[in-house]
Amino acid sequence: MDDRVAEVRVCDVHYPERLKAIHDAPPVLYTLGTFEEADRYAVAIVGARRSTAYGRAVTERLSAGLAQKGFTIVSGMARGIDGWAHRAALDAGGRTVAVLGCGVDVTYPPEHDQLKQDIVRHGVVMTEFPIGTPPHRAHFPKRNRLISGLTLGTVVVEATARSGSLITARLALEQGREVFAVPGNVDSELSEGTNHLIQQGAKLVGRVEDIVEELLPQLDNVFVAGLTRPSSVRDNSPPAELSGDMMILYRLLHTGQMHIDALVHGSGLHVSTVSGRLLEMELNGCVEQLTGQWYRRAR
């Protein structure tokens, strides 16, 4: 066995407390890197392997923002959303944990070798599968319970109706953890899973503060003292000149920056209607358009 690989048993002091609390916690974890006390404040970010530019942008913004606030980012080191979540956390100076569906000595996908090395230096690469276990289709749904089990909550960014990320979300609910979902274009297959989660009661998120506000009751005073308090105390009343569709869109933008696809989904309006109303609101100075069809309130 590689002498860098540690076996952390469920009775060991370094075994993650939140993971130990699930009913099917693995008796031993194979790890590269070392768990820290700070890792008990963890959030999972998962999603599609073949994601979009929108999914990547949201993932990087949420992951970096949470990492900067002291949360450890947990994901599965897969292509797409997982890899971007890990990388954004590292680039923001935070910690991240990768949960593998193979032996800890196996790098999958192989192009994530450098990412894996960086995670080991600033977090943990872990698995319940013994050394030398190759990646197998059946391993990934099984490892998903560890991704959710390590965390306070799971964020699903993009997912098809049959995505493995929905398995993670379901397991998080069974474990008593929070579930968050990023809304997407109603015409996109990659939004079917996340939009369905929202319909089923998952917390709709568009910014880091949405996640933090939901998790506050689970955070101790020392951790909370290091956070920038959520801005929910702001006056979210729409300007008097807005009405109808424009008021609906303005109210949605209270969460911060939102992509036009998320506004279409959240409002239930046709995309052409949303585009027209946003233009009107830009002209009257109520909203401003950012790069890539993202919008935010201007006042």
Protein backbone atom coordinates (compact mmCIF):
# COMPACT_ATOMS: atom_id res chain seq x y z
CA MET A 1 0.00 0.00 0.00
CA ASP A 2 1.18 3.54 -0.80
CA ASP A 3 2.47 4.96 2.50
CA ARG A 4 0.52 8.20 1.87
CA VAL A 5 -2.76 6.32 2.04
CA ALA A 6 -4.39 6.26 5.46
CA GLU A 7 -7.09 3.92 6.69
CA VAL A 8 -9.52 5.87 8.86
CA ARG A 9 -11.81 3.56 10.81
CA VAL A 10 -15.24 4.51 12.10
CA CYS A 11 -13.98 4.34 15.67
CA ASP A 12 -11.06 6.71 14.96
CA VAL A 13 -11.10 10.29 16.19
CA HIS A 14 -10.40 11.57 12.66
CA TYR A 15 -13.44 9.85 11.13
CA PRO A 16 -15.83 12.64 10.00
CA GLU A 17 -18.57 13.12 12.60
CA ARG A 18 -21.35 13.89 10.14
CA LEU A 19 -20.54 10.82 8.05
CA LYS A 20 -20.46 8.66 11.17
CA ALA A 21 -24.06 9.70 11.87
CA ILE A 22 -25.56 8.07 8.75
CA HIS A 23 -26.96 4.58 9.19
CA ASP A 24 -24.73 2.96 6.56
CA ALA A 25 -21.43 4.69 7.27
CA PRO A 26 -18.54 2.65 5.86
CA PRO A 27 -16.42 0.96 8.55
CA VAL A 28 -13.20 2.22 6.96
CA LEU A 29 -12.23 5.09 4.68
CA TYR A 30 -9.12 5.12 2.51
CA THR A 31 -7.79 8.66 2.36
CA LEU A 32 -5.12 10.86 0.86
CA GLY A 33 -4.77 14.11 2.78
CA THR A 34 -6.04 14.82 6.27
CA PHE A 35 -9.46 15.78 7.58
CA GLU A 36 -9.58 18.94 9.66
CA GLU A 37 -12.09 20.23 12.20
CA ALA A 38 -13.18 22.85 9.65
CA ASP A 39 -14.45 20.10 7.36
CA ARG A 40 -17.49 19.60 9.56
CA TYR A 41 -18.82 22.77 7.88
CA ALA A 42 -19.13 21.25 4.42
CA VAL A 43 -21.46 21.72 1.46
CA ALA A 44 -21.70 19.34 -1.50
CA ILE A 45 -21.93 20.72 -5.04
CA VAL A 46 -22.83 18.17 -7.70
CA GLY A 47 -24.23 18.10 -11.21
CA ALA A 48 -23.94 17.01 -14.79
CA ARG A 49 -20.74 15.75 -16.36
CA ARG A 50 -21.69 17.29 -19.70
CA SER A 51 -22.71 20.64 -18.38
CA THR A 52 -23.15 24.07 -19.95
CA ALA A 53 -21.35 27.40 -19.67
CA TYR A 54 -24.23 28.52 -17.45
CA GLY A 55 -23.72 25.53 -15.15
CA ARG A 56 -20.00 26.16 -14.95
CA ALA A 57 -20.44 29.85 -14.15
CA VAL A 58 -22.94 29.16 -11.36
CA THR A 59 -20.82 26.32 -9.95
CA GLU A 60 -17.67 28.42 -9.83
CA ARG A 61 -19.46 31.36 -8.23
CA LEU A 62 -21.17 29.28 -5.54
CA SER A 63 -18.13 27.11 -4.79
CA ALA A 64 -15.70 30.01 -4.54
CA GLY A 65 -18.12 32.06 -2.46
CA LEU A 66 -18.78 29.26 0.02
CA ALA A 67 -15.06 28.43 0.26
CA GLN A 68 -14.25 32.06 1.01
CA LYS A 69 -16.75 31.96 3.87
CA GLY A 70 -15.03 28.91 5.38
CA PHE A 71 -17.12 26.03 4.05
CA THR A 72 -15.40 22.92 2.73
CA ILE A 73 -16.66 21.93 -0.72
CA VAL A 74 -17.43 18.22 -1.25
CA SER A 75 -17.95 16.59 -4.64
CA GLY A 76 -17.13 13.50 -6.68
CA MET A 77 -14.17 14.66 -8.83
CA ALA A 78 -16.11 13.73 -11.98
CA ARG A 79 -15.99 15.70 -15.20
CA GLY A 80 -18.14 18.81 -15.46
CA ILE A 81 -19.78 20.33 -12.37
CA ASP A 82 -17.80 18.22 -9.85
CA GLY A 83 -14.41 19.16 -11.22
CA TRP A 84 -15.31 22.84 -11.52
CA ALA A 85 -16.57 22.87 -7.93
CA HIS A 86 -13.30 21.43 -6.61
CA ARG A 87 -11.14 23.76 -8.70
CA ALA A 88 -13.09 26.90 -7.78
CA ALA A 89 -12.80 26.09 -4.08
CA LEU A 90 -9.04 25.60 -4.39
CA ASP A 91 -8.59 28.77 -6.45
CA ALA A 92 -10.48 30.68 -3.75
CA GLY A 93 -8.04 29.43 -1.10
CA GLY A 94 -10.50 26.99 0.45
CA ARG A 95 -10.62 23.31 1.29
CA THR A 96 -12.32 20.57 -0.70
CA VAL A 97 -13.03 16.84 -0.35
CA ALA A 98 -13.30 14.45 -3.32
CA VAL A 99 -15.23 11.20 -2.86
CA LEU A 100 -14.20 8.57 -5.42
CA GLY A 101 -16.03 5.63 -6.95
CA CYS A 102 -12.75 3.66 -7.17
CA GLY A 103 -9.64 3.01 -5.13
CA VAL A 104 -7.95 6.12 -3.75
CA ASP A 105 -4.81 5.19 -5.71
CA VAL A 106 -6.74 5.24 -9.00
CA THR A 107 -7.30 8.56 -10.80
CA TYR A 108 -10.63 8.75 -12.60
CA PRO A 109 -11.16 10.51 -14.88
CA PRO A 110 -7.45 10.36 -15.78
CA GLU A 111 -7.32 14.00 -16.89
CA HIS A 112 -8.00 15.04 -13.28
CA ASP A 113 -4.61 13.86 -12.06
CA GLN A 114 -3.37 17.39 -11.33
CA LEU A 115 -6.67 18.30 -9.70
CA LYS A 116 -6.38 15.24 -7.48
CA GLN A 117 -2.87 16.23 -6.41
CA ASP A 118 -4.04 19.75 -5.58
CA ILE A 119 -6.97 18.43 -3.54
CA VAL A 120 -4.65 16.23 -1.49
CA ARG A 121 -2.58 19.31 -0.62
CA HIS A 122 -5.61 21.36 0.40
CA GLY A 123 -8.17 18.81 1.50
CA VAL A 124 -8.89 15.09 1.21
CA VAL A 125 -9.36 12.50 -1.52
CA MET A 126 -11.30 9.58 -0.03
CA THR A 127 -13.17 6.40 -0.84
CA GLU A 128 -14.67 3.36 0.83
CA PHE A 129 -13.30 1.08 -1.91
CA PRO A 130 -10.03 -0.79 -1.25
CA ILE A 131 -6.74 0.09 -2.90
CA GLY A 132 -6.63 -0.87 -6.56
CA THR A 133 -10.42 -0.96 -7.09
CA PRO A 134 -11.15 0.21 -10.65
CA PRO A 135 -14.02 2.60 -11.40
CA HIS A 136 -17.27 0.73 -12.02
CA ARG A 137 -20.73 2.01 -12.93
CA ALA A 138 -22.27 0.54 -9.77
CA HIS A 139 -19.73 2.27 -7.50
CA PHE A 140 -20.81 5.82 -8.25
CA PRO A 141 -24.42 5.67 -6.96
CA LYS A 142 -23.08 3.92 -3.86
CA ARG A 143 -20.47 6.59 -3.15
CA ASN A 144 -23.10 9.35 -3.44
CA ARG A 145 -24.34 8.66 0.09
CA LEU A 146 -20.87 9.65 1.33
CA ILE A 147 -20.93 12.93 -0.59
CA SER A 148 -24.21 13.92 1.05
CA GLY A 149 -23.31 12.31 4.38
CA LEU A 150 -20.22 14.47 4.84
CA THR A 151 -22.16 17.69 4.49
CA LEU A 152 -24.73 20.07 5.91
CA GLY A 153 -26.45 20.18 2.53
CA THR A 154 -26.18 19.34 -1.16
CA VAL A 155 -26.44 21.79 -4.06
CA VAL A 156 -27.47 20.37 -7.45
CA VAL A 157 -26.50 22.72 -10.29
CA GLU A 158 -27.50 20.95 -13.52
CA ALA A 159 -29.03 17.49 -13.85
CA THR A 160 -31.11 15.49 -16.29
CA ALA A 161 -34.23 13.67 -15.12
CA ARG A 162 -32.15 10.48 -14.62
CA SER A 163 -28.97 12.06 -13.28
CA GLY A 164 -26.96 10.46 -10.51
CA SER A 165 -27.02 13.86 -8.82
CA LEU A 166 -30.68 13.26 -8.04
CA ILE A 167 -29.63 10.13 -6.17
CA THR A 168 -27.35 12.31 -4.05
CA ALA A 169 -30.22 14.72 -3.40
CA ARG A 170 -32.53 11.88 -2.37
CA LEU A 171 -29.91 10.45 -0.04
CA ALA A 172 -29.35 13.88 1.49
CA LEU A 173 -33.05 14.09 2.32
CA GLU A 174 -32.99 10.59 3.84
CA GLN A 175 -30.01 11.64 5.95
CA GLY A 176 -31.80 14.75 7.18
CA ARG A 177 -29.57 17.15 5.24
CA GLU A 178 -30.59 20.21 3.24
CA VAL A 179 -31.13 20.06 -0.52
CA PHE A 180 -30.60 23.07 -2.80
CA ALA A 181 -31.14 23.36 -6.54
CA VAL A 182 -30.19 25.94 -9.15
CA PRO A 183 -33.06 26.69 -11.57
CA GLY A 184 -32.46 26.41 -15.29
CA ASN A 185 -33.96 26.83 -18.72
CA VAL A 186 -37.25 24.94 -18.95
CA ASP A 187 -36.36 23.86 -22.49
CA SER A 188 -33.02 22.34 -21.47
CA GLU A 189 -32.69 18.63 -20.67
CA LEU A 190 -30.00 19.54 -18.14
CA SER A 191 -32.55 21.55 -16.16
CA GLU A 192 -35.19 18.83 -15.88
CA GLY A 193 -33.67 17.35 -12.73
CA THR A 194 -33.00 20.60 -10.89
CA ASN A 195 -36.34 22.18 -11.78
CA HIS A 196 -38.09 19.00 -10.60
CA LEU A 197 -36.23 19.19 -7.28
CA ILE A 198 -37.48 22.74 -6.80
CA GLN A 199 -41.04 21.61 -7.55
CA GLN A 200 -40.59 18.92 -4.89
CA GLY A 201 -39.50 21.44 -2.26
CA ALA A 202 -35.74 21.88 -2.68
CA LYS A 203 -34.49 25.36 -1.83
CA LEU A 204 -34.04 27.46 -4.99
CA VAL A 205 -30.62 29.11 -4.93
CA GLY A 206 -28.99 31.72 -7.07
CA ARG A 207 -26.36 33.10 -4.72
CA VAL A 208 -24.20 32.01 -1.81
CA GLU A 209 -26.33 33.89 0.72
CA ASP A 210 -29.34 31.72 -0.12
CA ILE A 211 -27.39 28.67 1.06
CA VAL A 212 -25.88 30.32 4.13
CA GLU A 213 -29.24 31.64 5.34
CA GLU A 214 -30.70 28.13 5.23
CA LEU A 215 -27.72 26.60 7.07
CA LEU A 216 -27.42 29.23 9.82
CA PRO A 217 -29.34 27.20 12.45
CA GLN A 218 -26.75 24.40 12.10
CA LEU A 219 -23.68 26.65 12.49
CA ASP A 220 -22.06 27.39 15.83
CA ASN A 221 -21.42 30.92 17.04
CA VAL A 222 -17.70 30.86 16.30
CA PHE A 223 -18.25 29.94 12.65
CA VAL A 224 -21.12 32.40 12.26
CA ALA A 225 -18.96 35.18 13.67
CA GLY A 226 -16.64 34.76 10.70
CA LEU A 227 -19.41 35.06 8.13
CA THR A 228 -20.66 38.14 6.37
CA ARG A 229 -24.21 38.23 7.64
CA PRO A 230 -26.88 37.58 5.01
CA SER A 231 -28.41 40.65 3.42
CA SER A 232 -31.99 39.56 4.01
CA VAL A 233 -32.61 42.67 6.09
CA ARG A 234 -32.47 44.85 2.97
CA ASP A 235 -35.59 46.58 1.76
CA ASN A 236 -36.75 44.39 -1.12
CA SER A 237 -39.77 46.51 -2.02
CA PRO A 238 -39.95 47.09 -5.78
CA PRO A 239 -39.86 50.66 -7.14
CA ALA A 240 -43.30 52.23 -7.37
CA GLU A 241 -43.14 52.53 -11.17
CA LEU A 242 -42.99 48.74 -11.64
CA SER A 243 -46.06 46.58 -12.06
CA GLY A 244 -47.17 43.29 -13.58
CA ASP A 245 -44.46 41.21 -15.22
CA MET A 246 -41.72 43.67 -14.33
CA MET A 247 -42.58 43.47 -10.64
CA ILE A 248 -42.42 39.65 -10.79
CA LEU A 249 -38.93 39.80 -12.31
CA TYR A 250 -37.75 42.47 -9.88
CA ARG A 251 -38.87 40.40 -6.90
CA LEU A 252 -36.98 37.37 -8.25
CA LEU A 253 -33.82 39.45 -8.45
CA HIS A 254 -33.78 40.00 -4.68
CA THR A 255 -31.51 36.93 -4.45
CA GLY A 256 -28.75 38.76 -6.32
CA GLN A 257 -27.45 38.08 -9.82
CA MET A 258 -29.63 35.76 -11.93
CA HIS A 259 -29.28 34.42 -15.44
CA ILE A 260 -32.10 35.09 -17.89
CA ASP A 261 -32.83 31.33 -18.03
CA ALA A 262 -33.41 31.30 -14.27
CA LEU A 263 -35.68 34.34 -14.55
CA VAL A 264 -37.72 32.62 -17.28
CA HIS A 265 -38.11 29.54 -15.10
CA GLY A 266 -38.83 31.43 -11.90
CA SER A 267 -41.39 33.78 -13.45
CA GLY A 268 -43.17 31.28 -15.71
CA LEU A 269 -43.11 33.93 -18.46
CA HIS A 270 -42.11 33.34 -22.08
CA VAL A 271 -38.48 34.12 -22.85
CA SER A 272 -39.45 36.92 -25.25
CA THR A 273 -41.60 38.54 -22.58
CA VAL A 274 -38.79 38.33 -20.04
CA SER A 275 -36.30 39.84 -22.51
CA GLY A 276 -38.62 42.72 -23.30
CA ARG A 277 -39.44 43.50 -19.67
CA LEU A 278 -35.78 43.37 -18.67
CA LEU A 279 -34.95 45.86 -21.42
CA GLU A 280 -37.67 48.20 -20.12
CA MET A 281 -36.31 47.86 -16.60
CA GLU A 282 -32.78 48.60 -17.81
CA LEU A 283 -34.00 51.76 -19.53
CA ASN A 284 -35.72 53.01 -16.38
CA GLY A 285 -32.68 52.20 -14.26
CA CYS A 286 -34.17 49.41 -12.14
CA VAL A 287 -31.89 46.58 -13.32
CA GLU A 288 -28.56 46.24 -15.06
CA GLN A 289 -27.35 43.56 -17.43
CA LEU A 290 -24.03 41.85 -16.76
CA THR A 291 -21.87 39.70 -19.02
CA GLY A 292 -23.49 36.53 -20.35
CA GLN A 293 -27.14 37.61 -19.90
CA TRP A 294 -26.91 37.83 -16.11
CA TYR A 295 -28.99 40.52 -14.42
CA ARG A 296 -29.13 42.22 -11.04
CA ARG A 297 -31.01 45.04 -9.40
CA ALA A 298 -29.60 48.51 -9.98
CA ARG A 299 -31.53 49.99 -7.04
